[in-house]
Structure formats: C-alpha cells, structure tokens
C-alpha atoms as a PDB file:
ATOM      1  CA  UNK A   1      -8.587   0.739  -0.883  1.00  0.00           C
ATOM      2  CA  UNK A   2      -6.025  -0.436   1.657  1.00  0.00           C
ATOM      3  CA  UNK A   3      -2.767   0.837   3.075  1.00  0.00           C
ATOM      4  CA  UNK A   4      -0.735  -0.501   0.160  1.00  0.00           C
ATOM      5  CA  UNK A   5      -2.550   1.895  -2.211  1.00  0.00           C
ATOM      6  CA  UNK A   6      -1.877   4.941  -0.025  1.00  0.00           C
ATOM      7  CA  UNK A   7       1.741   3.897   0.476  1.00  0.00           C
ATOM      8  CA  UNK A   8       2.352   3.242  -3.225  1.00  0.00           C
ATOM      9  CA  UNK A   9       0.865   6.595  -4.268  1.00  0.00           C
ATOM     10  CA  UNK A  10       3.311   8.424  -2.009  1.00  0.00           C
ATOM     11  CA  UNK A  11       6.299   6.400  -3.239  1.00  0.00           C
ATOM     12  CA  UNK A  12       5.328   6.859  -6.912  1.00  0.00           C
ATOM     13  CA  UNK A  13       5.362  10.627  -6.571  1.00  0.00           C
ATOM     14  CA  UNK A  14       8.857  10.540  -5.099  1.00  0.00           C
ATOM     15  CA  UNK A  15      10.193   8.435  -8.010  1.00  0.00           C
ATOM     16  CA  UNK A  16       9.284  10.909 -10.752  1.00  0.00           C
ATOM     17  CA  UNK A  17      12.303  12.755 -12.107  1.00  0.00           C
ATOM     18  CA  UNK A  18      14.867  10.276 -10.808  1.00  0.00           C
ATOM     19  CA  UNK A  19      15.224   7.893 -13.733  1.00  0.00           C
ATOM     20  CA  UNK A  20      19.037   7.746 -13.617  1.00  0.00           C
ATOM     21  CA  UNK A  21      18.872   6.409 -10.075  1.00  0.00           C
ATOM     22  CA  UNK A  22      16.159   3.950 -11.095  1.00  0.00           C
ATOM     23  CA  UNK A  23      18.388   2.564 -13.864  1.00  0.00           C
ATOM     24  CA  UNK A  24      21.382   2.194 -11.521  1.00  0.00           C
ATOM     25  CA  UNK A  25      19.427   0.391  -8.834  1.00  0.00           C
ATOM     26  CA  UNK A  26      17.485  -1.764 -11.277  1.00  0.00           C
ATOM     27  CA  UNK A  27      20.803  -2.752 -12.839  1.00  0.00           C
ATOM     28  CA  UNK A  28      22.067  -3.977  -9.462  1.00  0.00           C
ATOM     29  CA  UNK A  29      18.925  -6.035  -8.935  1.00  0.00           C
ATOM     30  CA  UNK A  30      19.385  -7.639 -12.374  1.00  0.00           C
ATOM     31  CA  UNK A  31      23.004  -8.484 -11.527  1.00  0.00           C
ATOM     32  CA  UNK A  32      21.950 -10.095  -8.240  1.00  0.00           C
ATOM     33  CA  UNK A  33      19.144 -12.043  -9.924  1.00  0.00           C
ATOM     34  CA  UNK A  34      21.557 -13.439 -12.532  1.00  0.00           C
ATOM     35  CA  UNK A  35      24.097 -14.402  -9.859  1.00  0.00           C
ATOM     36  CA  UNK A  36      21.390 -16.216  -7.892  1.00  0.00           C
ATOM     37  CA  UNK A  37      19.435 -17.875 -10.693  1.00  0.00           C
ATOM     38  CA  UNK A  38      21.451 -17.666 -13.911  1.00  0.00           C
ATOM     39  CA  UNK A  39      21.054 -15.584 -17.061  1.00  0.00           C
ATOM     40  CA  UNK A  40      18.396 -17.811 -18.695  1.00  0.00           C
ATOM     41  CA  UNK A  41      15.109 -15.948 -18.172  1.00  0.00           C
ATOM     42  CA  UNK A  42      13.170 -19.175 -18.802  1.00  0.00           C
ATOM     43  CA  UNK A  43      14.387 -20.691 -15.574  1.00  0.00           C
ATOM     44  CA  UNK A  44      14.782 -17.474 -13.588  1.00  0.00           C
ATOM     45  CA  UNK A  45      11.375 -15.946 -12.716  1.00  0.00           C
ATOM     46  CA  UNK A  46      12.907 -13.056 -10.753  1.00  0.00           C
ATOM     47  CA  UNK A  47      15.019 -12.095 -13.772  1.00  0.00           C
ATOM     48  CA  UNK A  48      11.954 -12.289 -16.048  1.00  0.00           C
ATOM     49  CA  UNK A  49      10.125  -9.831 -13.821  1.00  0.00           C
ATOM     50  CA  UNK A  50      13.094  -7.467 -13.695  1.00  0.00           C
ATOM     51  CA  UNK A  51      13.495  -7.574 -17.487  1.00  0.00           C
ATOM     52  CA  UNK A  52       9.824  -6.650 -17.814  1.00  0.00           C
ATOM     53  CA  UNK A  53      10.368  -3.743 -15.428  1.00  0.00           C
ATOM     54  CA  UNK A  54      13.436  -2.618 -17.376  1.00  0.00           C
ATOM     55  CA  UNK A  55      11.321  -2.451 -20.537  1.00  0.00           C
ATOM     56  CA  UNK A  56       8.510  -0.612 -18.749  1.00  0.00           C
ATOM     57  CA  UNK A  57      11.004   1.929 -17.380  1.00  0.00           C
ATOM     58  CA  UNK A  58      12.597   2.361 -20.861  1.00  0.00           C
ATOM     59  CA  UNK A  59      15.949   1.279 -19.465  1.00  0.00           C
ATOM     60  CA  UNK A  60      18.529   1.304 -22.294  1.00  0.00           C
ATOM     61  CA  UNK A  61      19.411  -2.134 -23.662  1.00  0.00           C
ATOM     62  CA  UNK A  62      23.120  -1.556 -23.078  1.00  0.00           C
ATOM     63  CA  UNK A  63      22.446  -0.914 -19.381  1.00  0.00           C
ATOM     64  CA  UNK A  64      20.636  -4.244 -19.108  1.00  0.00           C
ATOM     65  CA  UNK A  65      23.407  -6.095 -20.940  1.00  0.00           C
ATOM     66  CA  UNK A  66      26.039  -4.461 -18.719  1.00  0.00           C
ATOM     67  CA  UNK A  67      24.167  -5.561 -15.578  1.00  0.00           C
ATOM     68  CA  UNK A  68      23.980  -9.172 -16.824  1.00  0.00           C
ATOM     69  CA  UNK A  69      27.673  -9.164 -17.785  1.00  0.00           C
ATOM     70  CA  UNK A  70      28.640  -7.955 -14.298  1.00  0.00           C
ATOM     71  CA  UNK A  71      27.112 -11.100 -12.820  1.00  0.00           C
ATOM     72  CA  UNK A  72      29.585 -13.283 -14.729  1.00  0.00           C
ATOM     73  CA  UNK A  73      32.601 -10.958 -14.484  1.00  0.00           C
ATOM     74  CA  UNK A  74      35.054 -12.430 -11.962  1.00  0.00           C
ATOM     75  CA  UNK A  75      36.511  -8.974 -11.281  1.00  0.00           C
ATOM     76  CA  UNK A  76      33.127  -7.652 -10.119  1.00  0.00           C
ATOM     77  CA  UNK A  77      32.456  -7.702  -6.404  1.00  0.00           C
ATOM     78  CA  UNK A  78      29.754  -9.968  -5.059  1.00  0.00           C
ATOM     79  CA  UNK A  79      26.706  -7.816  -4.343  1.00  0.00           C
ATOM     80  CA  UNK A  80      24.799  -8.640  -1.167  1.00  0.00           C
ATOM     81  CA  UNK A  81      21.302  -7.498  -0.291  1.00  0.00           C
ATOM     82  CA  UNK A  82      21.226  -5.963   3.189  1.00  0.00           C
ATOM     83  CA  UNK A  83      18.641  -4.255   5.394  1.00  0.00           C
ATOM     84  CA  UNK A  84      19.381  -1.368   7.764  1.00  0.00           C
ATOM     85  CA  UNK A  85      16.964  -0.180  10.431  1.00  0.00           C
ATOM     86  CA  UNK A  86      16.780   2.995  12.448  1.00  0.00           C
ATOM     87  CA  UNK A  87      14.856   6.024  13.600  1.00  0.00           C
ATOM     88  CA  UNK A  88      14.821   9.399  11.950  1.00  0.00           C
ATOM     89  CA  UNK A  89      13.976  12.592  13.832  1.00  0.00           C
ATOM     90  CA  UNK A  90      10.556  12.887  15.519  1.00  0.00           C
ATOM     91  CA  UNK A  91      10.284   9.145  16.151  1.00  0.00           C
ATOM     92  CA  UNK A  92       9.797   8.061  12.513  1.00  0.00           C
ATOM     93  CA  UNK A  93      10.969   4.503  11.868  1.00  0.00           C
ATOM     94  CA  UNK A  94      13.065   3.821   8.756  1.00  0.00           C
ATOM     95  CA  UNK A  95      13.845   0.558   6.994  1.00  0.00           C
ATOM     96  CA  UNK A  96      16.514   0.804   4.298  1.00  0.00           C
ATOM     97  CA  UNK A  97      17.300  -1.888   1.719  1.00  0.00           C
ATOM     98  CA  UNK A  98      20.662  -1.890  -0.031  1.00  0.00           C
ATOM     99  CA  UNK A  99      22.635  -3.910  -2.570  1.00  0.00           C
ATOM    100  CA  UNK A 100      26.352  -3.503  -1.978  1.00  0.00           C
ATOM    101  CA  UNK A 101      29.740  -5.104  -2.549  1.00  0.00           C
ATOM    102  CA  UNK A 102      31.178  -3.238   0.449  1.00  0.00           C
ATOM    103  CA  UNK A 103      29.082  -3.381   3.598  1.00  0.00           C
ATOM    104  CA  UNK A 104      31.626  -1.329   5.575  1.00  0.00           C
ATOM    105  CA  UNK A 105      31.244   1.585   3.167  1.00  0.00           C
ATOM    106  CA  UNK A 106      27.482   1.349   2.953  1.00  0.00           C
ATOM    107  CA  UNK A 107      26.751   1.074   6.677  1.00  0.00           C
ATOM    108  CA  UNK A 108      29.101   4.015   7.350  1.00  0.00           C
ATOM    109  CA  UNK A 109      27.259   6.139   4.810  1.00  0.00           C
ATOM    110  CA  UNK A 110      23.819   5.154   6.071  1.00  0.00           C
ATOM    111  CA  UNK A 111      24.824   5.832   9.684  1.00  0.00           C
ATOM    112  CA  UNK A 112      26.165   9.265   8.720  1.00  0.00           C
ATOM    113  CA  UNK A 113      22.854  10.206   7.070  1.00  0.00           C
ATOM    114  CA  UNK A 114      20.890   9.298  10.182  1.00  0.00           C
ATOM    115  CA  UNK A 115      23.331  11.173  12.439  1.00  0.00           C
ATOM    116  CA  UNK A 116      23.389  14.262  10.215  1.00  0.00           C
ATOM    117  CA  UNK A 117      19.584  14.508  10.339  1.00  0.00           C
ATOM    118  CA  UNK A 118      19.189  13.898  14.060  1.00  0.00           C
ATOM    119  CA  UNK A 119      18.336  10.210  13.853  1.00  0.00           C
ATOM    120  CA  UNK A 120      20.030   6.985  14.893  1.00  0.00           C
ATOM    121  CA  UNK A 121      20.880   3.762  13.068  1.00  0.00           C
ATOM    122  CA  UNK A 122      19.432   0.860  15.037  1.00  0.00           C
ATOM    123  CA  UNK A 123      20.098  -2.836  15.354  1.00  0.00           C
ATOM    124  CA  UNK A 124      18.563  -5.675  13.350  1.00  0.00           C
ATOM    125  CA  UNK A 125      14.939  -6.154  14.357  1.00  0.00           C
ATOM    126  CA  UNK A 126      14.541  -2.717  15.915  1.00  0.00           C
ATOM    127  CA  UNK A 127      11.922  -1.543  13.400  1.00  0.00           C
ATOM    128  CA  UNK A 128      11.410  -4.390  10.899  1.00  0.00           C
ATOM    129  CA  UNK A 129       8.411  -5.676  12.882  1.00  0.00           C
ATOM    130  CA  UNK A 130       6.577  -2.490  11.879  1.00  0.00           C
ATOM    131  CA  UNK A 131       6.617  -3.505   8.201  1.00  0.00           C
ATOM    132  CA  UNK A 132       5.066  -6.408   6.306  1.00  0.00           C
ATOM    133  CA  UNK A 133       7.215  -7.832   3.506  1.00  0.00           C
ATOM    134  CA  UNK A 134       4.967  -8.166   0.433  1.00  0.00           C
ATOM    135  CA  UNK A 135       5.429  -9.215  -3.155  1.00  0.00           C
ATOM    136  CA  UNK A 136       4.084  -6.742  -5.697  1.00  0.00           C
ATOM    137  CA  UNK A 137       3.371  -7.001  -9.419  1.00  0.00           C
ATOM    138  CA  UNK A 138       2.211  -4.507 -12.019  1.00  0.00           C
ATOM    139  CA  UNK A 139       0.339  -5.785 -15.073  1.00  0.00           C
ATOM    140  CA  UNK A 140      -1.139  -3.962 -18.036  1.00  0.00           C
ATOM    141  CA  UNK A 141      -4.873  -3.406 -17.742  1.00  0.00           C
ATOM    142  CA  UNK A 142      -6.767  -4.983 -20.644  1.00  0.00           C
ATOM    143  CA  UNK A 143      -9.911  -3.494 -22.142  1.00  0.00           C
ATOM    144  CA  UNK A 144     -13.019  -4.785 -20.415  1.00  0.00           C
ATOM    145  CA  UNK A 145     -11.072  -6.224 -17.489  1.00  0.00           C
ATOM    146  CA  UNK A 146     -13.225  -6.800 -14.400  1.00  0.00           C
ATOM    147  CA  UNK A 147     -10.900  -5.836 -11.564  1.00  0.00           C
ATOM    148  CA  UNK A 148     -13.176  -7.099  -8.778  1.00  0.00           C
ATOM    149  CA  UNK A 149     -13.589 -10.464 -10.468  1.00  0.00           C
ATOM    150  CA  UNK A 150      -9.838 -10.740 -11.028  1.00  0.00           C
ATOM    151  CA  UNK A 151      -9.149  -9.941  -7.372  1.00  0.00           C
ATOM    152  CA  UNK A 152     -11.589 -12.597  -6.190  1.00  0.00           C
ATOM    153  CA  UNK A 153      -9.967 -15.189  -8.435  1.00  0.00           C
ATOM    154  CA  UNK A 154      -6.427 -14.306  -7.360  1.00  0.00           C
ATOM    155  CA  UNK A 155      -7.174 -14.503  -3.632  1.00  0.00           C
ATOM    156  CA  UNK A 156      -6.658 -18.252  -3.920  1.00  0.00           C
ATOM    157  CA  UNK A 157      -3.132 -17.570  -5.211  1.00  0.00           C
ATOM    158  CA  UNK A 158      -2.072 -15.472  -2.213  1.00  0.00           C
ATOM    159  CA  UNK A 159      -3.192 -11.990  -3.326  1.00  0.00           C
ATOM    160  CA  UNK A 160      -4.057  -9.572  -0.502  1.00  0.00           C
ATOM    161  CA  UNK A 161      -4.927  -6.432  -2.427  1.00  0.00           C
ATOM    162  CA  UNK A 162      -5.420  -5.359  -6.034  1.00  0.00           C
ATOM    163  CA  UNK A 163      -6.130  -1.893  -7.429  1.00  0.00           C
ATOM    164  CA  UNK A 164      -5.947   0.250 -10.537  1.00  0.00           C
ATOM    165  CA  UNK A 165      -3.121   2.750 -10.963  1.00  0.00           C
ATOM    166  CA  UNK A 166      -3.427   5.573 -13.497  1.00  0.00           C
ATOM    167  CA  UNK A 167      -0.394   7.508 -14.708  1.00  0.00           C
ATOM    168  CA  UNK A 168      -0.543  10.643 -16.859  1.00  0.00           C
ATOM    169  CA  UNK A 169       2.430  11.632 -19.008  1.00  0.00           C
ATOM    170  CA  UNK A 170       3.452  15.112 -20.194  1.00  0.00           C
ATOM    171  CA  UNK A 171       1.033  14.880 -23.134  1.00  0.00           C
ATOM    172  CA  UNK A 172      -1.897  14.054 -20.820  1.00  0.00           C
ATOM    173  CA  UNK A 173      -2.016  10.469 -22.079  1.00  0.00           C
ATOM    174  CA  UNK A 174      -3.280   8.001 -19.498  1.00  0.00           C
ATOM    175  CA  UNK A 175      -1.740   4.595 -18.841  1.00  0.00           C
ATOM    176  CA  UNK A 176      -3.744   2.183 -16.707  1.00  0.00           C
ATOM    177  CA  UNK A 177      -2.075  -0.636 -14.835  1.00  0.00           C
ATOM    178  CA  UNK A 178      -3.183  -3.126 -12.199  1.00  0.00           C
ATOM    179  CA  UNK A 179      -1.093  -3.320  -9.035  1.00  0.00           C
ATOM    180  CA  UNK A 180      -1.187  -6.642  -7.203  1.00  0.00           C
ATOM    181  CA  UNK A 181       0.022  -7.170  -3.632  1.00  0.00           C
ATOM    182  CA  UNK A 182       0.398 -10.577  -2.037  1.00  0.00           C
ATOM    183  CA  UNK A 183       2.136 -12.528   0.678  1.00  0.00           C
ATOM    184  CA  UNK A 184       5.927 -12.614   0.380  1.00  0.00           C
ATOM    185  CA  UNK A 185       5.960 -16.401  -0.023  1.00  0.00           C
ATOM    186  CA  UNK A 186       3.321 -16.226  -2.792  1.00  0.00           C
ATOM    187  CA  UNK A 187       5.660 -14.518  -5.285  1.00  0.00           C
ATOM    188  CA  UNK A 188       6.182 -17.580  -7.478  1.00  0.00           C
ATOM    189  CA  UNK A 189       2.535 -18.636  -7.416  1.00  0.00           C
ATOM    190  CA  UNK A 190       1.259 -15.181  -8.379  1.00  0.00           C
ATOM    191  CA  UNK A 191       3.853 -14.729 -11.120  1.00  0.00           C
ATOM    192  CA  UNK A 192       2.952 -18.140 -12.561  1.00  0.00           C
ATOM    193  CA  UNK A 193      -0.751 -17.176 -12.629  1.00  0.00           C
ATOM    194  CA  UNK A 194       0.034 -13.884 -14.390  1.00  0.00           C
ATOM    195  CA  UNK A 195       2.170 -15.549 -17.052  1.00  0.00           C
ATOM    196  CA  UNK A 196      -0.097 -18.545 -17.657  1.00  0.00           C
ATOM    197  CA  UNK A 197      -3.158 -16.325 -18.093  1.00  0.00           C
ATOM    198  CA  UNK A 198      -1.548 -14.117 -20.714  1.00  0.00           C
ATOM    199  CA  UNK A 199      -1.326 -10.853 -18.756  1.00  0.00           C
ATOM    200  CA  UNK A 200       1.438  -8.441 -19.731  1.00  0.00           C
ATOM    201  CA  UNK A 201       3.670  -8.122 -16.664  1.00  0.00           C
ATOM    202  CA  UNK A 202       5.305  -4.716 -16.260  1.00  0.00           C
ATOM    203  CA  UNK A 203       7.231  -5.435 -13.062  1.00  0.00           C
ATOM    204  CA  UNK A 204       7.515  -7.839 -10.170  1.00  0.00           C
ATOM    205  CA  UNK A 205       9.333  -7.462  -6.897  1.00  0.00           C
ATOM    206  CA  UNK A 206       8.983  -6.888  -3.185  1.00  0.00           C
ATOM    207  CA  UNK A 207       8.017  -3.967  -0.955  1.00  0.00           C
ATOM    208  CA  UNK A 208       7.721  -3.259   2.755  1.00  0.00           C
ATOM    209  CA  UNK A 209       4.321  -1.986   3.846  1.00  0.00           C
ATOM    210  CA  UNK A 210       3.960  -0.326   7.281  1.00  0.00           C
ATOM    211  CA  UNK A 211       1.614  -2.299   9.550  1.00  0.00           C
ATOM    212  CA  UNK A 212       1.408   0.406  12.223  1.00  0.00           C
ATOM    213  CA  UNK A 213      -0.403   3.750  12.287  1.00  0.00           C
ATOM    214  CA  UNK A 214       1.563   6.220  10.179  1.00  0.00           C
ATOM    215  CA  UNK A 215       2.687   9.364  12.007  1.00  0.00           C
ATOM    216  CA  UNK A 216       1.635  12.879  11.087  1.00  0.00           C
ATOM    217  CA  UNK A 217       4.194  15.656  11.464  1.00  0.00           C
ATOM    218  CA  UNK A 218       4.377  19.419  11.021  1.00  0.00           C
ATOM    219  CA  UNK A 219       5.705  21.047   7.861  1.00  0.00           C
ATOM    220  CA  UNK A 220       9.047  21.836   9.511  1.00  0.00           C
ATOM    221  CA  UNK A 221       9.381  18.298  10.844  1.00  0.00           C
ATOM    222  CA  UNK A 222       8.542  16.873   7.413  1.00  0.00           C
ATOM    223  CA  UNK A 223      11.287  18.970   5.834  1.00  0.00           C
ATOM    224  CA  UNK A 224      13.866  17.385   8.168  1.00  0.00           C
ATOM    225  CA  UNK A 225      12.540  13.897   7.428  1.00  0.00           C
ATOM    226  CA  UNK A 226      12.504  14.538   3.684  1.00  0.00           C
ATOM    227  CA  UNK A 227      16.174  15.551   3.928  1.00  0.00           C
ATOM    228  CA  UNK A 228      17.026  12.183   5.496  1.00  0.00           C
ATOM    229  CA  UNK A 229      14.960  10.299   2.909  1.00  0.00           C
ATOM    230  CA  UNK A 230      16.658  12.159   0.048  1.00  0.00           C
ATOM    231  CA  UNK A 231      20.148  11.466   1.429  1.00  0.00           C
ATOM    232  CA  UNK A 232      19.358   7.761   1.710  1.00  0.00           C
ATOM    233  CA  UNK A 233      17.736   7.500  -1.729  1.00  0.00           C
ATOM    234  CA  UNK A 234      20.628   9.363  -3.378  1.00  0.00           C
ATOM    235  CA  UNK A 235      23.132   6.783  -2.113  1.00  0.00           C
ATOM    236  CA  UNK A 236      24.016   4.474  -5.010  1.00  0.00           C
ATOM    237  CA  UNK A 237      24.032   1.415  -2.746  1.00  0.00           C
ATOM    238  CA  UNK A 238      20.514   2.021  -1.418  1.00  0.00           C
ATOM    239  CA  UNK A 239      17.715   0.398  -3.402  1.00  0.00           C
ATOM    240  CA  UNK A 240      14.599   1.166  -1.333  1.00  0.00           C
ATOM    241  CA  UNK A 241      13.685   3.400   1.600  1.00  0.00           C
ATOM    242  CA  UNK A 242      10.574   2.858   3.732  1.00  0.00           C
ATOM    243  CA  UNK A 243       9.283   4.774   6.741  1.00  0.00           C
ATOM    244  CA  UNK A 244       6.291   5.160   9.057  1.00  0.00           C
ATOM    245  CA  UNK A 245       5.775   8.785   7.996  1.00  0.00           C
ATOM    246  CA  UNK A 246       2.214   9.545   6.940  1.00  0.00           C
ATOM    247  CA  UNK A 247       2.083  10.837   3.328  1.00  0.00           C
ATOM    248  CA  UNK A 248       1.306  14.537   3.034  1.00  0.00           C
ATOM    249  CA  UNK A 249      -1.972  15.660   1.489  1.00  0.00           C
ATOM    250  CA  UNK A 250      -0.010  17.209  -1.386  1.00  0.00           C
ATOM    251  CA  UNK A 251       1.466  13.864  -2.516  1.00  0.00           C
END
C-alpha cells in the first residue's frame, strides 16, 4: 500500500475522541458548499458528499440544518477557505487549512501557535510544494467486492490508490470501508462513477498527502510537535492540519 494509506492511518487515530470538533468543522464545510453551489443536493455534488459524511459521522440533524441556514443568513459572515504554511520545531513542515470569516483573527492565532512551539509561520508557497492535493472518497464495502478489480476499473477515472479500511467500535464490531484517492481534478468524475454504480458513499473531500520523505524524530521532539498539532486542531477556524512528520509506530 502507498503513502496515502500510511498517512490516513495516522490521521484516523488522531480523530478518535474529538467528535465535537468534527461536527463544528463539518458544519463550516457544509455552509461553504451551500454558499458556492446552492442548497439543492441534486445539483451540488460537494454538498451531497458532505451530507453523506454527516450521516456517517452521526452528526445531529439540527447541526446540519443550522449549517445550511447559515449559508442563506445575511447576518452570517462570509466564510473563506484559506491555507497557511510554516515550519514547526525540528524542521517539520506544516500546511494548515482553515475556514474563517475573519482572516485577521485566524492568522494571528495560527502564528501564535507556531511561535509558542518554536516554529515559524511562512509565506504562501513555502511548504505547499511538499504536498499533493488529492480528492478522497470513502464508500461502503459490499459483500464479495473484488477490490483489485475495482481499482483497475477506476484507474481510467483518475484513481491513484484504493485500499480497505477496517474500523472496530467499542463492542468489537468491524466496519469495512473502501478508501479511494485520486487526482484533485478528478473529483467530479470519481464521484459520478461512485453514484452511477450504486456504491454507498460515506464521504468525499480533499486531503494533502506529503510527497517528500517523512521525518523521524525523538520522543521528546515528537511531544513538542504534537503540542503544536493539538493547538492548531483545537482552533475552531482550522479544518485540517498536515505535516511531514513520520507517524510513530504506536499510531
């Protein structure tokens, strides 16, 4: 399996136990999708994917409705999607995605996190070249599904990598999903294939995958980097945090 699998495994572990933050950030993405493409899911493929993710994450219906209403509320600020780049301690590159209605507030907060942890906020383009921007979908695995055959078929639609992801809940019940990575510009084509072939889509979005060798660090160095990551992820304006830190063997 490729780098996307290793990267996703590490990110999945970090998400557990942070559902409130997931709901807040997913709500912002829904608001942005409605502002950009309207509230009709039929004509808004990004919104369809986000609604599927909201269901998969058990996001309360009232949260979803509130996010959609915000998009049409004239008193609500206009959220913008922004990317911040910088270096944490020990030469680890960070790329931070945010959705904010106040860039001055958000950039000040992000800069303070980097400074507090011994890093520096960089300029646009300073680290983005170290990451590939990919589209990613999760679909429910059907009984008898031939993953290798599916991957071969979807290559023609822009898919780069496909693998099985197994999650185990508190009752030791397994849920199997298929994770699909593709070129950024292939989002619409891949989503259309998924929907037209009757697969149950659980989520659809975008991720940044490091295209450089990930860096190994000591336990003490990792603790400092984890502090920076946690500060960034806890910020309500930040939606995703990516870095060139090599996942630990424990994750």
